[in-house]
Amino acid sequence: MKTITIFLMLAFLTNCTHNTQDAPQTEKTPHTAVTLTQVSWGKIQNEIVLSATTAYLDKSIITAPIPAFISDVNVQPGCMIRKGETLYTLETKEHHALSNETAPSTIENVPVKAGTDGIVTAVMQQKGSYVAEGTILCSLAVPSNLVFMLNVPYEQQEYASPGKKCILVLPDETRLTATIQTPLVTMNTTSQAQQVIARAKSPFLPEGMSVKVLITTNNTNKKEEMILPQNAIQSNEMLTEHWVMKLANDSTAVKVLIQTGNCNADSIEVISPSLSSADRIIQTGGYGLEDNSRVVITKEIQP
């Protein structure tokens, strides 16, 4: 009886082992982690991007009023000068000739002063030099005469008409609003670009700085369109087809073909189809997803 009981127990354990090994393995469908956004409404203006350089149209040239020796120099390139400040001190030939005599000279040195506020752009003469009358001593850039020289291709002249506003983007990403003024009469023979003057209120900027120019090209009175973040839009390699991934439910994303409009660095207009503010659009994590992909929501970003 004891032997029969042991045999039955072994048979039961063997049968359980086989059942465990033969049971089908159910694999879970992987879910892609995504963040969501919704459409907003607004207007995006088309822009053209041009280049420009800083220049000082009016430089104040400081010259020697008399033939003399330079006894003192109080300027160096880049320093700020105030009106009435002494830039150079000149010593006349007579004073210089009498400087070694024991008797004091009655001839005074001649100071050369700034006639306006400015920034020293160049220093041509140094202490100890002899200069003739009219010799250039240094040059000053007047901050109020700073302009931006826009390089406008001939075919885009209509967008840079006098009086139009534009945005100047400095190398540190500072943005200035400028007003376009008159074009110059010459054109670059290589690039066929004409230089156009623009002015803006700005801090001191060095001459020759390259800046980016943004000019809107379309009607500012256009109607509001649906707007989505740029990273919510996907496209094929030829950029002939665009789409978004929209949630059909809490875990399934479907592909929706769209027609796009104007765009900027952050956002893009959606012309069709009509989307609702209740539609949940995948913003990040949707790249390469197929239609009816399984997803898991990690964050919902408000537009």
Protein backbone atom coordinates (compact mmCIF):
# COMPACT_ATOMS: atom_id res chain seq x y z
CA MET A 1 0.00 0.00 0.00
CA LYS A 2 2.85 2.36 0.84
CA THR A 3 4.51 1.61 -2.51
CA ILE A 4 1.30 2.41 -4.43
CA THR A 5 0.94 5.75 -2.66
CA ILE A 6 4.51 6.80 -3.57
CA PHE A 7 3.94 5.81 -7.22
CA LEU A 8 0.77 7.89 -7.47
CA MET A 9 2.55 10.95 -6.00
CA LEU A 10 5.39 10.66 -8.56
CA ALA A 11 2.91 10.36 -11.41
CA PHE A 12 1.04 13.46 -10.21
CA LEU A 13 4.23 15.56 -9.99
CA THR A 14 5.36 14.42 -13.45
CA ASN A 15 2.00 15.37 -14.97
CA CYS A 16 2.15 18.85 -13.37
CA THR A 17 5.65 19.42 -14.76
CA HIS A 18 4.53 18.56 -18.29
CA ASN A 19 1.49 20.79 -18.02
CA THR A 20 3.67 23.72 -16.93
CA GLN A 21 6.10 23.27 -19.80
CA ASP A 22 3.35 22.84 -22.40
CA ALA A 23 1.35 25.93 -21.29
CA PRO A 24 1.43 28.67 -23.98
CA GLN A 25 3.55 31.75 -23.17
CA THR A 26 1.55 35.00 -23.58
CA GLU A 27 3.72 37.93 -24.68
CA LYS A 28 2.66 41.45 -23.78
CA THR A 29 2.60 44.04 -26.59
CA PRO A 30 5.21 46.72 -25.77
CA HIS A 31 3.91 50.24 -25.10
CA THR A 32 5.82 53.34 -26.24
CA ALA A 33 6.15 56.16 -23.70
CA VAL A 34 4.82 59.44 -25.11
CA THR A 35 3.94 62.98 -24.04
CA LEU A 36 0.83 64.75 -25.29
CA THR A 37 -0.21 68.21 -26.38
CA GLN A 38 -3.31 69.91 -27.85
CA VAL A 39 -3.86 72.38 -30.65
CA SER A 40 -4.01 76.11 -30.03
CA TRP A 41 -5.11 78.90 -32.36
CA GLY A 42 -3.06 81.82 -33.62
CA LYS A 43 -1.14 83.32 -36.55
CA ILE A 44 2.37 82.57 -37.73
CA GLN A 45 3.93 85.02 -40.15
CA ASN A 46 6.19 83.84 -42.95
CA GLU A 47 9.69 85.20 -42.60
CA ILE A 48 12.76 85.59 -44.76
CA VAL A 49 16.15 85.47 -43.12
CA LEU A 50 18.84 87.90 -44.28
CA SER A 51 22.25 88.93 -42.99
CA ALA A 52 23.52 92.31 -41.89
CA THR A 53 26.65 93.91 -40.43
CA THR A 54 27.06 96.81 -38.03
CA ALA A 55 28.65 100.03 -39.27
CA TYR A 56 29.13 103.61 -38.11
CA LEU A 57 28.11 105.99 -40.86
CA ASP A 58 29.62 109.03 -39.17
CA LYS A 59 33.07 108.77 -37.63
CA SER A 60 34.51 111.81 -35.94
CA ILE A 61 38.09 112.35 -37.10
CA ILE A 62 40.39 114.10 -34.63
CA THR A 63 43.24 116.01 -36.29
CA ALA A 64 46.22 118.04 -35.10
CA PRO A 65 45.34 121.77 -35.07
CA ILE A 66 49.02 122.81 -35.29
CA PRO A 67 52.36 121.26 -36.20
CA ALA A 68 53.65 119.89 -32.89
CA PHE A 69 55.16 117.08 -30.88
CA ILE A 70 52.76 114.72 -29.08
CA SER A 71 53.55 114.95 -25.39
CA ASP A 72 50.65 112.92 -24.01
CA VAL A 73 48.09 110.39 -25.30
CA ASN A 74 44.94 109.71 -23.23
CA VAL A 75 43.10 107.34 -25.56
CA GLN A 76 43.23 103.75 -26.68
CA PRO A 77 41.02 101.77 -29.08
CA GLY A 78 37.68 100.81 -27.60
CA CYS A 79 37.54 103.37 -24.80
CA MET A 80 34.49 105.58 -24.29
CA ILE A 81 35.09 109.31 -24.67
CA ARG A 82 32.93 112.16 -23.35
CA LYS A 83 32.53 115.52 -25.06
CA GLY A 84 35.20 117.98 -23.88
CA GLU A 85 37.56 115.26 -22.66
CA THR A 86 41.27 115.77 -23.52
CA LEU A 87 42.43 113.16 -26.00
CA TYR A 88 45.95 114.38 -26.83
CA THR A 89 48.31 117.01 -25.52
CA LEU A 90 50.52 118.69 -28.10
CA GLU A 91 53.81 120.47 -27.49
CA THR A 92 54.74 123.23 -29.90
CA LYS A 93 58.12 123.29 -31.60
CA GLU A 94 59.01 126.42 -29.63
CA HIS A 95 58.14 124.84 -26.30
CA HIS A 96 60.00 121.69 -27.23
CA ALA A 97 63.10 123.76 -28.18
CA LEU A 98 63.03 125.65 -24.89
CA SER A 99 62.32 122.64 -22.69
CA ASN A 100 66.05 122.03 -22.04
CA GLU A 101 66.73 125.62 -20.95
CA THR A 102 66.76 126.64 -17.32
CA ALA A 103 64.39 129.58 -17.79
CA PRO A 104 60.70 128.57 -17.56
CA SER A 105 58.80 128.72 -20.82
CA THR A 106 55.72 130.90 -21.15
CA ILE A 107 54.37 128.83 -24.03
CA GLU A 108 51.69 126.37 -22.88
CA ASN A 109 50.93 122.95 -24.31
CA VAL A 110 47.90 122.60 -26.56
CA PRO A 111 45.15 120.14 -25.51
CA VAL A 112 43.12 118.35 -28.20
CA LYS A 113 39.58 117.70 -26.92
CA ALA A 114 36.67 115.58 -28.11
CA GLY A 115 33.88 117.49 -29.78
CA THR A 116 31.30 114.74 -29.11
CA ASP A 117 30.70 111.58 -27.13
CA GLY A 118 32.03 108.48 -28.83
CA ILE A 119 34.06 105.30 -28.82
CA VAL A 120 37.64 105.35 -30.01
CA THR A 121 37.91 103.14 -33.08
CA ALA A 122 41.52 103.81 -34.05
CA VAL A 123 44.59 105.57 -32.63
CA MET A 124 46.97 106.68 -35.37
CA GLN A 125 49.61 108.66 -33.45
CA GLN A 126 51.60 107.87 -30.30
CA LYS A 127 53.50 109.85 -27.70
CA GLY A 128 56.74 111.43 -28.91
CA SER A 129 55.71 111.65 -32.57
CA TYR A 130 55.92 114.89 -34.52
CA VAL A 131 52.79 115.67 -36.56
CA ALA A 132 52.02 118.30 -39.14
CA GLU A 133 48.90 120.42 -39.01
CA GLY A 134 45.84 118.38 -40.09
CA THR A 135 47.41 114.98 -39.33
CA ILE A 136 44.79 112.46 -38.14
CA LEU A 137 45.38 111.61 -34.50
CA CYS A 138 42.49 109.21 -33.85
CA SER A 139 38.89 108.47 -34.90
CA LEU A 140 35.72 108.21 -32.84
CA ALA A 141 32.54 106.28 -33.58
CA VAL A 142 29.41 108.12 -32.52
CA PRO A 143 26.94 105.60 -30.98
CA SER A 144 23.90 107.44 -32.31
CA ASN A 145 25.22 106.87 -35.84
CA LEU A 146 25.29 103.06 -35.58
CA VAL A 147 23.42 101.42 -38.46
CA PHE A 148 22.85 97.89 -39.69
CA MET A 149 23.74 97.24 -43.32
CA LEU A 150 21.25 94.65 -44.59
CA ASN A 151 22.25 92.47 -47.54
CA VAL A 152 19.04 92.19 -49.57
CA PRO A 153 18.95 90.00 -52.72
CA TYR A 154 17.49 91.88 -55.66
CA GLU A 155 14.50 89.52 -55.95
CA GLN A 156 13.54 90.21 -52.30
CA GLN A 157 13.70 94.00 -52.41
CA GLU A 158 9.93 94.29 -52.05
CA TYR A 159 10.18 92.93 -48.50
CA ALA A 160 12.75 95.54 -47.42
CA SER A 161 10.90 98.71 -48.32
CA PRO A 162 11.66 101.93 -46.37
CA GLY A 163 9.67 102.25 -43.14
CA LYS A 164 9.13 98.51 -42.69
CA LYS A 165 10.01 96.88 -39.35
CA CYS A 166 12.37 93.94 -38.99
CA ILE A 167 13.92 91.94 -36.18
CA LEU A 168 17.69 91.89 -35.67
CA VAL A 169 19.10 88.83 -33.87
CA LEU A 170 22.53 89.47 -32.35
CA PRO A 171 25.09 86.67 -31.85
CA ASP A 172 24.04 86.37 -28.17
CA GLU A 173 20.37 85.93 -29.30
CA THR A 174 19.41 89.46 -28.19
CA ARG A 175 16.59 90.74 -30.41
CA LEU A 176 16.23 94.34 -31.53
CA THR A 177 13.37 95.91 -33.47
CA ALA A 178 14.74 97.97 -36.35
CA THR A 179 13.27 100.23 -39.00
CA ILE A 180 14.40 99.80 -42.60
CA GLN A 181 15.51 103.01 -44.26
CA THR A 182 17.09 103.88 -47.59
CA PRO A 183 18.96 101.46 -49.86
CA LEU A 184 22.42 102.29 -51.12
CA VAL A 185 22.95 102.86 -54.83
CA THR A 186 25.52 100.09 -55.31
CA MET A 187 25.04 96.33 -55.52
CA ASN A 188 27.43 93.46 -54.83
CA THR A 189 28.39 92.11 -58.25
CA THR A 190 28.95 88.57 -56.96
CA SER A 191 25.87 87.98 -54.77
CA GLN A 192 23.59 90.52 -56.53
CA ALA A 193 22.58 91.78 -53.09
CA GLN A 194 21.93 95.45 -52.37
CA GLN A 195 22.85 97.02 -49.06
CA VAL A 196 19.94 98.64 -47.22
CA ILE A 197 20.30 100.73 -44.07
CA ALA A 198 18.30 99.86 -40.92
CA ARG A 199 18.42 101.64 -37.57
CA ALA A 200 17.60 100.37 -34.08
CA LYS A 201 18.05 101.51 -30.49
CA SER A 202 20.92 99.43 -29.20
CA PRO A 203 23.81 99.39 -26.77
CA PHE A 204 27.33 99.92 -28.06
CA LEU A 205 28.17 97.32 -30.67
CA PRO A 206 31.49 96.91 -32.45
CA GLU A 207 31.67 97.70 -36.13
CA GLY A 208 31.62 94.69 -38.45
CA MET A 209 29.44 92.45 -36.24
CA SER A 210 27.33 89.97 -38.22
CA VAL A 211 23.66 89.78 -37.24
CA LYS A 212 20.62 87.84 -38.51
CA VAL A 213 17.65 89.76 -39.92
CA LEU A 214 14.06 88.47 -39.82
CA ILE A 215 11.51 90.14 -42.12
CA THR A 216 7.86 89.06 -42.37
CA THR A 217 6.59 88.55 -45.90
CA ASN A 218 2.86 87.86 -45.61
CA ASN A 219 -0.29 89.73 -44.57
CA THR A 220 -0.45 90.36 -40.82
CA ASN A 221 -4.28 90.37 -41.01
CA LYS A 222 -4.57 86.70 -41.98
CA LYS A 223 -7.04 84.58 -40.02
CA GLU A 224 -6.05 82.43 -37.06
CA GLU A 225 -5.15 78.81 -37.75
CA MET A 226 -4.65 75.69 -35.66
CA ILE A 227 -1.12 75.59 -34.28
CA LEU A 228 0.91 72.65 -32.99
CA PRO A 229 4.52 72.40 -31.71
CA GLN A 230 7.02 71.56 -34.43
CA ASN A 231 8.08 68.30 -32.76
CA ALA A 232 4.48 67.01 -32.92
CA ILE A 233 4.60 66.97 -36.74
CA GLN A 234 6.13 64.09 -38.70
CA SER A 235 6.87 63.84 -42.42
CA ASN A 236 8.30 61.56 -45.07
CA GLU A 237 11.82 62.00 -46.44
CA MET A 238 10.64 64.09 -49.39
CA LEU A 239 8.55 66.38 -47.12
CA THR A 240 5.55 65.75 -49.39
CA GLU A 241 3.40 64.21 -46.67
CA HIS A 242 2.85 65.32 -43.07
CA TRP A 243 0.96 63.70 -40.22
CA VAL A 244 0.37 63.65 -36.47
CA MET A 245 -0.23 60.74 -34.12
CA LYS A 246 -3.53 61.21 -32.26
CA LEU A 247 -4.82 59.11 -29.39
CA ALA A 248 -7.93 57.10 -30.24
CA ASN A 249 -8.14 56.02 -26.60
CA ASP A 250 -5.83 56.04 -23.58
CA SER A 251 -3.42 53.51 -25.09
CA THR A 252 -3.79 53.54 -28.90
CA ALA A 253 -2.31 56.11 -31.32
CA VAL A 254 -3.64 56.53 -34.85
CA LYS A 255 -2.02 58.31 -37.79
CA VAL A 256 -3.77 61.46 -39.08
CA LEU A 257 -2.58 63.07 -42.33
CA ILE A 258 -2.51 66.89 -42.19
CA GLN A 259 -1.88 69.87 -44.43
CA THR A 260 0.57 72.37 -42.96
CA GLY A 261 0.86 76.15 -43.34
CA ASN A 262 3.33 78.74 -42.08
CA CYS A 263 5.90 77.80 -39.48
CA ASN A 264 8.61 79.25 -37.28
CA ALA A 265 11.33 77.77 -35.12
CA ASP A 266 8.86 76.42 -32.52
CA SER A 267 5.41 76.00 -34.06
CA ILE A 268 3.60 75.13 -37.27
CA GLU A 269 0.13 75.86 -38.63
CA VAL A 270 -2.28 73.01 -39.41
CA ILE A 271 -4.62 73.97 -42.26
CA SER A 272 -6.61 70.72 -42.37
CA PRO A 273 -8.22 68.52 -41.18
CA SER A 274 -10.06 70.28 -38.37
CA LEU A 275 -8.73 69.26 -34.96
CA SER A 276 -10.39 69.90 -31.62
CA SER A 277 -8.76 71.24 -28.47
CA ALA A 278 -9.94 67.98 -26.88
CA ASP A 279 -7.83 65.91 -29.30
CA ARG A 280 -4.73 64.49 -27.65
CA ILE A 281 -1.74 64.75 -29.99
CA ILE A 282 1.57 63.02 -29.36
CA GLN A 283 4.33 65.61 -29.00
CA THR A 284 7.35 63.48 -28.06
CA GLY A 285 7.92 59.75 -28.40
CA GLY A 286 5.82 59.38 -31.54
CA TYR A 287 8.64 59.31 -34.11
CA GLY A 288 8.40 56.16 -36.24
CA LEU A 289 5.17 54.90 -34.67
CA GLU A 290 2.86 52.92 -36.93
CA ASP A 291 -0.89 53.39 -37.15
CA ASN A 292 -2.71 51.84 -34.14
CA SER A 293 0.49 51.67 -32.08
CA ARG A 294 0.22 50.98 -28.36
CA VAL A 295 1.42 53.81 -26.14
CA VAL A 296 1.63 54.80 -22.51
CA ILE A 297 1.20 58.46 -21.50
CA THR A 298 3.95 59.94 -19.31
CA LYS A 299 3.02 63.63 -19.45
CA GLU A 300 0.44 65.93 -21.01
CA ILE A 301 1.93 69.28 -22.10
CA GLN A 302 -0.41 72.25 -22.27
CA PRO A 303 0.03 74.46 -25.34
